[in-house]
Amino acid sequence: MRLPPLPDLMTRRVATFGLALLGAGVFHLLGLPLPFLFGPMTACLIAALAGAPLRGMGTLSTLARTILGVAVGASITPDVVARIPQMAGSVALVPLYVVIIGLVGVPFFRRLGYDPVTAWYAAMPGGLQDMVAFGTEAGGDTRALALIHATRVLIIVSLAPLILTGLYGSSLTGALGAPTLDLPVGELCLMGAAAVIGWKGAECIGLFGASILGPMIVTAALSLSGLIHSRPPAEAILAAQLFIGLGIGVHYVGVTFRELRSFILSGLAFVGVLAALAALFTEAVTLSGLAQPVEGFLAFAPGGQAEMTVLALVAGADLGFVILHHLTRMVVVILGAPIAARALRVRRP
């Protein structure tokens, strides 16, 4: 697809960013939860469905995701590493969780009329970009995959806070981080370097989720060596929320009525299936004593890695526990889905 001329592209991005800020401001004034995530997401979603020519932030959005990678890495302390064996029982359930989702999801989408490749990658609970890329390469319907996965992320991110507050009594007021002025300049510089070096280094070696995993690995090394002792500043994490919310809304630019009726409704229906399976596994790890309720819910909620990181932060959950489960899910899906598709000869007719 040919990009619009540069001035037009910049105008769209500035307008989109202004709309996101407006949404955050309105949600903040109304006292609504997570205003810097849900305000931009809601404003951009409404504008996109209304036909506004919004545009994503490109590299800026990717850079914002590195902040979350640094936040997770800074939370990996010697104490967290020492507790990894205690998490093994719960983590071991993740591959089973992914397999069951596939066994239920693929026939679900086939019954709705999708071709085998599109049904396969629409059912996989992996990252939006990864599943769209793999599915497109295998001959699937790119637009259908993008909208189905975007809808999955949108609905889960929207419902999860309601479940956390209503069912688990979470206040969603967990400390995001200290203000910038309260953090040592040296640590801020180290975190900034870890974000960029980790991101670009991970890209160079082809690591999936490079913008989050690369900074996470570098920052974890700094944390474990005692060079940093705090998360990124609160302002940076709020900025990351804004760009993530904006990005979710922008995915719906150009949606037609036919796509709204078919692809998005398919995604909505599948979220119901995912919710039932996530609830089953959450109850299993909670009742067996493998996890606390909030951590168990967030660990098995099949949302995007960045979005679940934000929710774990604001819920005051154990970041190490939650992220380890999501990393395991991503690894299983990204490595397993293409291999299983070839083994089962999943092809587009």
Protein backbone atom coordinates (compact mmCIF):
# COMPACT_ATOMS: atom_id res chain seq x y z
CA MET A 1 0.00 0.00 0.00
CA ARG A 2 1.43 3.39 -1.02
CA LEU A 3 1.96 5.86 1.82
CA PRO A 4 0.36 9.32 1.59
CA PRO A 5 2.67 12.29 0.90
CA LEU A 6 4.84 13.22 3.90
CA PRO A 7 3.04 16.51 4.80
CA ASP A 8 -0.31 14.72 4.70
CA LEU A 9 1.11 11.86 6.77
CA MET A 10 2.43 14.26 9.39
CA THR A 11 -0.87 16.15 9.49
CA ARG A 12 -2.76 12.93 10.11
CA ARG A 13 -0.39 11.89 12.86
CA VAL A 14 -0.55 15.26 14.59
CA ALA A 15 -4.36 15.20 14.41
CA THR A 16 -4.44 11.63 15.74
CA PHE A 17 -2.12 12.52 18.61
CA GLY A 18 -4.23 15.58 19.45
CA LEU A 19 -7.36 13.43 19.48
CA ALA A 20 -5.65 10.93 21.80
CA LEU A 21 -4.66 13.72 24.19
CA LEU A 22 -8.22 15.05 24.12
CA GLY A 23 -9.58 11.60 24.96
CA ALA A 24 -7.12 11.26 27.86
CA GLY A 25 -8.08 14.71 29.14
CA VAL A 26 -11.82 13.98 29.01
CA PHE A 27 -11.43 10.64 30.79
CA HIS A 28 -9.22 12.29 33.42
CA LEU A 29 -11.73 15.10 34.07
CA LEU A 30 -14.56 12.57 34.36
CA GLY A 31 -12.56 10.53 36.86
CA LEU A 32 -12.76 7.39 34.71
CA PRO A 33 -10.27 4.53 35.25
CA LEU A 34 -6.99 4.43 33.32
CA PRO A 35 -7.62 7.70 31.47
CA PHE A 36 -4.32 7.61 29.56
CA LEU A 37 -5.14 4.17 28.16
CA PHE A 38 -8.89 4.19 27.68
CA GLY A 39 -9.27 7.87 26.77
CA PRO A 40 -7.08 7.69 23.65
CA MET A 41 -8.40 4.23 22.78
CA THR A 42 -12.04 5.34 22.95
CA ALA A 43 -11.51 8.65 21.13
CA CYS A 44 -9.52 7.06 18.30
CA LEU A 45 -11.89 4.09 18.02
CA ILE A 46 -14.95 6.34 17.67
CA ALA A 47 -13.17 8.60 15.16
CA ALA A 48 -11.90 5.62 13.15
CA LEU A 49 -15.35 4.04 12.91
CA ALA A 50 -16.73 7.45 11.89
CA GLY A 51 -14.33 7.48 8.94
CA ALA A 52 -11.69 9.91 10.21
CA PRO A 53 -8.32 9.52 8.40
CA LEU A 54 -6.30 8.71 11.51
CA ARG A 55 -2.72 7.51 11.37
CA GLY A 56 -0.59 5.52 13.80
CA MET A 57 2.53 7.01 15.35
CA GLY A 58 5.00 4.59 13.74
CA THR A 59 8.39 4.56 15.46
CA LEU A 60 7.09 6.66 18.37
CA SER A 61 4.60 3.93 19.26
CA THR A 62 7.35 1.32 19.14
CA LEU A 63 9.56 3.50 21.33
CA ALA A 64 6.71 3.83 23.84
CA ARG A 65 6.51 0.04 24.10
CA THR A 66 10.18 -0.10 25.09
CA ILE A 67 9.20 1.75 28.28
CA LEU A 68 7.06 -1.21 29.30
CA GLY A 69 9.95 -3.56 28.57
CA VAL A 70 12.15 -1.50 30.88
CA ALA A 71 9.42 -1.50 33.55
CA VAL A 72 9.18 -5.29 33.47
CA GLY A 73 12.96 -5.71 33.45
CA ALA A 74 13.34 -3.41 36.45
CA SER A 75 10.88 -5.60 38.33
CA ILE A 76 13.03 -8.70 37.81
CA THR A 77 15.02 -8.69 41.02
CA PRO A 78 16.99 -11.49 42.71
CA ASP A 79 13.88 -12.20 44.81
CA VAL A 80 11.77 -12.72 41.67
CA VAL A 81 14.40 -15.01 40.13
CA ALA A 82 14.49 -17.06 43.33
CA ARG A 83 10.71 -17.58 43.05
CA ILE A 84 10.75 -18.88 39.46
CA PRO A 85 10.66 -22.55 40.56
CA GLN A 86 7.51 -21.76 42.55
CA MET A 87 5.86 -20.51 39.34
CA ALA A 88 6.72 -23.64 37.36
CA GLY A 89 3.46 -25.44 38.10
CA SER A 90 1.36 -22.58 36.78
CA VAL A 91 3.63 -21.87 33.79
CA ALA A 92 3.45 -25.56 32.81
CA LEU A 93 -0.29 -25.10 32.17
CA VAL A 94 0.30 -22.42 29.52
CA PRO A 95 1.12 -24.80 26.60
CA LEU A 96 -2.00 -26.83 27.45
CA TYR A 97 -4.00 -23.58 27.51
CA VAL A 98 -2.73 -22.63 24.04
CA VAL A 99 -3.45 -26.09 22.60
CA ILE A 100 -7.03 -26.07 23.93
CA ILE A 101 -7.63 -22.60 22.49
CA GLY A 102 -6.45 -23.87 19.11
CA LEU A 103 -8.56 -27.04 19.28
CA VAL A 104 -11.66 -24.96 20.04
CA GLY A 105 -10.84 -21.86 17.98
CA VAL A 106 -9.93 -23.37 14.60
CA PRO A 107 -13.21 -25.30 14.18
CA PHE A 108 -15.03 -22.22 15.50
CA PHE A 109 -13.71 -20.01 12.70
CA ARG A 110 -14.10 -22.76 10.08
CA ARG A 111 -17.78 -23.00 11.00
CA LEU A 112 -18.05 -19.26 10.41
CA GLY A 113 -16.80 -19.75 6.85
CA TYR A 114 -13.14 -18.77 7.08
CA ASP A 115 -10.55 -20.61 5.00
CA PRO A 116 -8.20 -23.01 6.86
CA VAL A 117 -5.20 -20.64 7.06
CA THR A 118 -7.22 -17.64 8.24
CA ALA A 119 -9.10 -19.80 10.76
CA TRP A 120 -5.81 -21.23 12.07
CA TYR A 121 -4.07 -17.91 12.70
CA ALA A 122 -7.27 -16.14 13.86
CA ALA A 123 -7.58 -18.75 16.62
CA MET A 124 -3.98 -18.49 17.86
CA PRO A 125 -3.67 -16.31 21.02
CA GLY A 126 -0.44 -14.63 19.95
CA GLY A 127 0.56 -11.05 19.28
CA LEU A 128 -1.48 -9.13 16.72
CA GLN A 129 1.47 -8.27 14.46
CA ASP A 130 2.95 -11.77 14.62
CA MET A 131 -0.28 -13.58 13.82
CA VAL A 132 -1.11 -11.21 10.96
CA ALA A 133 2.41 -11.60 9.52
CA PHE A 134 2.41 -15.40 9.78
CA GLY A 135 -1.13 -15.69 8.46
CA THR A 136 -0.49 -13.37 5.52
CA GLU A 137 2.70 -15.23 4.58
CA ALA A 138 0.76 -18.51 4.62
CA GLY A 139 -1.95 -17.07 2.36
CA GLY A 140 -4.57 -16.03 4.92
CA ASP A 141 -6.89 -13.00 4.79
CA THR A 142 -4.78 -10.14 6.15
CA ARG A 143 -7.67 -7.77 6.86
CA ALA A 144 -9.71 -10.45 8.63
CA LEU A 145 -6.76 -11.46 10.82
CA ALA A 146 -5.93 -7.86 11.71
CA LEU A 147 -9.50 -6.99 12.71
CA ILE A 148 -10.17 -10.25 14.60
CA HIS A 149 -7.01 -9.90 16.69
CA ALA A 150 -7.49 -6.15 17.18
CA THR A 151 -11.01 -6.86 18.46
CA ARG A 152 -9.67 -9.55 20.81
CA VAL A 153 -7.19 -7.10 22.32
CA LEU A 154 -9.74 -4.26 22.46
CA ILE A 155 -12.42 -6.27 24.27
CA ILE A 156 -10.03 -7.94 26.72
CA VAL A 157 -8.35 -4.64 27.59
CA SER A 158 -11.77 -3.03 28.06
CA LEU A 159 -13.28 -5.80 30.20
CA ALA A 160 -10.25 -6.75 32.29
CA PRO A 161 -10.36 -3.61 34.51
CA LEU A 162 -14.06 -4.17 35.17
CA ILE A 163 -13.34 -7.77 36.21
CA LEU A 164 -10.36 -6.71 38.33
CA THR A 165 -12.39 -4.11 40.21
CA GLY A 166 -15.76 -5.86 40.34
CA LEU A 167 -14.75 -9.47 40.90
CA TYR A 168 -11.34 -9.22 42.57
CA GLY A 169 -11.70 -5.89 44.38
CA SER A 170 -8.58 -4.38 42.83
CA SER A 171 -8.37 -0.59 43.05
CA LEU A 172 -6.24 -0.13 39.89
CA THR A 173 -4.24 2.51 41.74
CA GLY A 174 -0.94 0.66 41.86
CA ALA A 175 2.15 2.88 41.79
CA LEU A 176 3.29 3.25 38.20
CA GLY A 177 6.63 4.67 39.24
CA ALA A 178 8.22 7.65 40.91
CA PRO A 179 8.11 11.09 39.25
CA THR A 180 11.03 11.86 36.94
CA LEU A 181 12.51 14.45 39.31
CA ASP A 182 12.67 11.90 42.14
CA LEU A 183 14.81 9.41 40.23
CA PRO A 184 18.63 9.50 40.04
CA VAL A 185 19.87 10.91 36.74
CA GLY A 186 22.28 8.01 36.36
CA GLU A 187 19.49 5.44 36.59
CA LEU A 188 17.35 7.38 34.11
CA CYS A 189 20.25 7.36 31.63
CA LEU A 190 20.79 3.63 32.13
CA MET A 191 17.08 2.93 31.58
CA GLY A 192 17.05 5.08 28.42
CA ALA A 193 20.09 3.26 27.08
CA ALA A 194 18.60 -0.13 27.97
CA ALA A 195 15.40 0.76 26.09
CA VAL A 196 17.13 1.71 22.84
CA ILE A 197 20.00 -0.80 22.91
CA GLY A 198 17.72 -3.65 23.94
CA TRP A 199 15.14 -2.81 21.27
CA LYS A 200 17.61 -2.45 18.38
CA GLY A 201 19.73 -5.37 19.54
CA ALA A 202 16.69 -7.65 19.70
CA GLU A 203 15.64 -6.50 16.22
CA CYS A 204 19.08 -7.32 14.85
CA ILE A 205 18.87 -10.93 16.02
CA GLY A 206 15.24 -11.29 14.93
CA LEU A 207 13.76 -11.71 18.41
CA PHE A 208 9.96 -11.61 18.46
CA GLY A 209 8.43 -8.73 20.42
CA ALA A 210 11.79 -6.93 20.14
CA SER A 211 10.50 -3.59 21.43
CA ILE A 212 9.48 -5.15 24.76
CA LEU A 213 11.67 -8.22 25.19
CA GLY A 214 14.97 -6.56 24.24
CA PRO A 215 14.67 -3.71 26.76
CA MET A 216 13.33 -6.17 29.34
CA ILE A 217 16.37 -8.44 29.04
CA VAL A 218 18.91 -5.59 29.21
CA THR A 219 17.13 -3.88 32.10
CA ALA A 220 16.78 -7.17 33.99
CA ALA A 221 20.55 -7.59 33.74
CA LEU A 222 21.03 -4.09 35.14
CA SER A 223 18.52 -4.76 37.92
CA LEU A 224 20.07 -8.08 38.91
CA SER A 225 23.53 -6.48 38.96
CA GLY A 226 22.28 -3.75 41.30
CA LEU A 227 22.79 -0.84 38.89
CA ILE A 228 19.14 0.23 38.88
CA HIS A 229 16.60 0.01 41.69
CA SER A 230 13.47 1.63 40.28
CA ARG A 231 10.99 1.50 37.41
CA PRO A 232 10.79 4.10 34.64
CA PRO A 233 9.21 7.38 35.79
CA ALA A 234 5.44 7.60 36.05
CA GLU A 235 5.29 10.14 33.21
CA ALA A 236 6.96 7.69 30.83
CA ILE A 237 4.55 4.88 31.71
CA LEU A 238 1.57 7.20 31.22
CA ALA A 239 2.96 8.14 27.80
CA ALA A 240 3.28 4.44 26.94
CA GLN A 241 -0.38 3.94 27.90
CA LEU A 242 -1.42 6.80 25.63
CA PHE A 243 0.38 5.39 22.60
CA ILE A 244 -0.95 1.88 23.24
CA GLY A 245 -4.53 3.14 23.52
CA LEU A 246 -4.09 5.22 20.37
CA GLY A 247 -2.70 2.22 18.48
CA ILE A 248 -5.66 -0.01 19.39
CA GLY A 249 -8.16 2.58 18.14
CA VAL A 250 -6.29 3.28 14.90
CA HIS A 251 -6.51 -0.39 13.88
CA TYR A 252 -10.16 0.27 12.98
CA VAL A 253 -9.47 2.98 10.40
CA GLY A 254 -11.23 2.22 7.12
CA VAL A 255 -13.47 -0.54 8.48
CA THR A 256 -16.42 -1.13 6.17
CA PHE A 257 -19.89 -2.23 7.20
CA ARG A 258 -19.25 -5.71 5.80
CA GLU A 259 -16.07 -6.01 7.84
CA LEU A 260 -17.83 -4.67 10.92
CA ARG A 261 -20.55 -7.25 10.49
CA SER A 262 -18.34 -10.25 9.72
CA PHE A 263 -14.76 -9.92 10.97
CA ILE A 264 -15.40 -7.84 14.08
CA LEU A 265 -18.47 -9.84 15.11
CA SER A 266 -16.40 -13.01 14.64
CA GLY A 267 -13.75 -11.53 16.93
CA LEU A 268 -16.37 -10.60 19.51
CA ALA A 269 -17.83 -14.10 19.50
CA PHE A 270 -14.40 -15.67 19.86
CA VAL A 271 -13.63 -13.46 22.86
CA GLY A 272 -16.53 -15.18 24.60
CA VAL A 273 -14.88 -18.54 23.97
CA LEU A 274 -11.51 -17.22 25.19
CA ALA A 275 -13.13 -15.74 28.30
CA ALA A 276 -14.58 -19.12 29.28
CA LEU A 277 -11.23 -20.88 28.83
CA ALA A 278 -9.33 -18.13 30.66
CA ALA A 279 -11.79 -18.32 33.57
CA LEU A 280 -11.33 -22.10 33.72
CA PHE A 281 -7.54 -21.87 33.94
CA THR A 282 -7.67 -18.93 36.35
CA GLU A 283 -9.84 -20.95 38.71
CA ALA A 284 -7.54 -23.96 38.33
CA VAL A 285 -4.38 -22.08 39.34
CA THR A 286 -6.17 -20.12 42.08
CA LEU A 287 -7.94 -23.05 43.74
CA SER A 288 -4.80 -25.19 43.56
CA GLY A 289 -2.79 -22.47 45.30
CA LEU A 290 -0.47 -21.91 42.34
CA ALA A 291 -1.41 -18.23 42.08
CA GLN A 292 -3.23 -15.42 43.82
CA PRO A 293 -6.54 -14.48 42.14
CA VAL A 294 -5.40 -11.20 40.51
CA GLU A 295 -2.13 -12.69 39.27
CA GLY A 296 -3.91 -15.81 38.01
CA PHE A 297 -6.46 -13.75 36.10
CA LEU A 298 -3.89 -11.47 34.49
CA ALA A 299 -1.54 -14.37 33.67
CA PHE A 300 -4.19 -16.21 31.64
CA ALA A 301 -6.05 -13.24 30.15
CA PRO A 302 -5.27 -13.67 26.41
CA GLY A 303 -4.60 -10.00 25.68
CA GLY A 304 -1.56 -8.34 24.18
CA GLN A 305 1.72 -8.42 26.06
CA ALA A 306 1.97 -4.62 26.32
CA GLU A 307 -1.63 -4.20 27.43
CA MET A 308 -1.35 -6.89 30.11
CA THR A 309 1.85 -5.25 31.38
CA VAL A 310 -0.02 -1.96 31.86
CA LEU A 311 -2.87 -3.68 33.70
CA ALA A 312 -0.46 -5.60 35.93
CA LEU A 313 1.27 -2.33 36.82
CA VAL A 314 -1.91 -0.46 37.76
CA ALA A 315 -3.35 -3.48 39.59
CA GLY A 316 -0.20 -3.74 41.71
CA ALA A 317 0.18 -7.37 40.62
CA ASP A 318 3.36 -9.44 40.66
CA LEU A 319 4.85 -8.32 37.33
CA GLY A 320 7.35 -11.16 37.20
CA PHE A 321 4.61 -13.78 37.58
CA VAL A 322 2.26 -12.22 35.01
CA ILE A 323 4.89 -11.52 32.38
CA LEU A 324 6.52 -14.97 32.67
CA HIS A 325 3.18 -16.55 31.74
CA HIS A 326 2.61 -14.20 28.80
CA LEU A 327 6.15 -14.73 27.54
CA THR A 328 5.57 -18.47 27.68
CA ARG A 329 2.30 -18.09 25.76
CA MET A 330 3.98 -15.96 23.09
CA VAL A 331 6.88 -18.39 22.70
CA VAL A 332 4.54 -21.39 22.42
CA VAL A 333 2.33 -19.65 19.83
CA ILE A 334 5.08 -18.02 17.75
CA LEU A 335 7.26 -21.12 17.59
CA GLY A 336 4.48 -23.70 17.63
CA ALA A 337 1.77 -22.27 15.36
CA PRO A 338 3.75 -22.25 12.06
CA ILE A 339 5.33 -25.67 12.80
CA ALA A 340 1.97 -27.22 13.70
CA ALA A 341 0.36 -25.62 10.62
CA ARG A 342 2.95 -27.26 8.35
CA ALA A 343 2.70 -30.60 10.16
CA LEU A 344 -1.11 -30.60 9.83
CA ARG A 345 -0.89 -29.30 6.24
CA VAL A 346 -3.03 -26.26 6.90
CA ARG A 347 -3.30 -24.57 3.50
CA ARG A 348 -5.53 -22.07 1.79
CA PRO A 349 -7.76 -23.80 -0.81
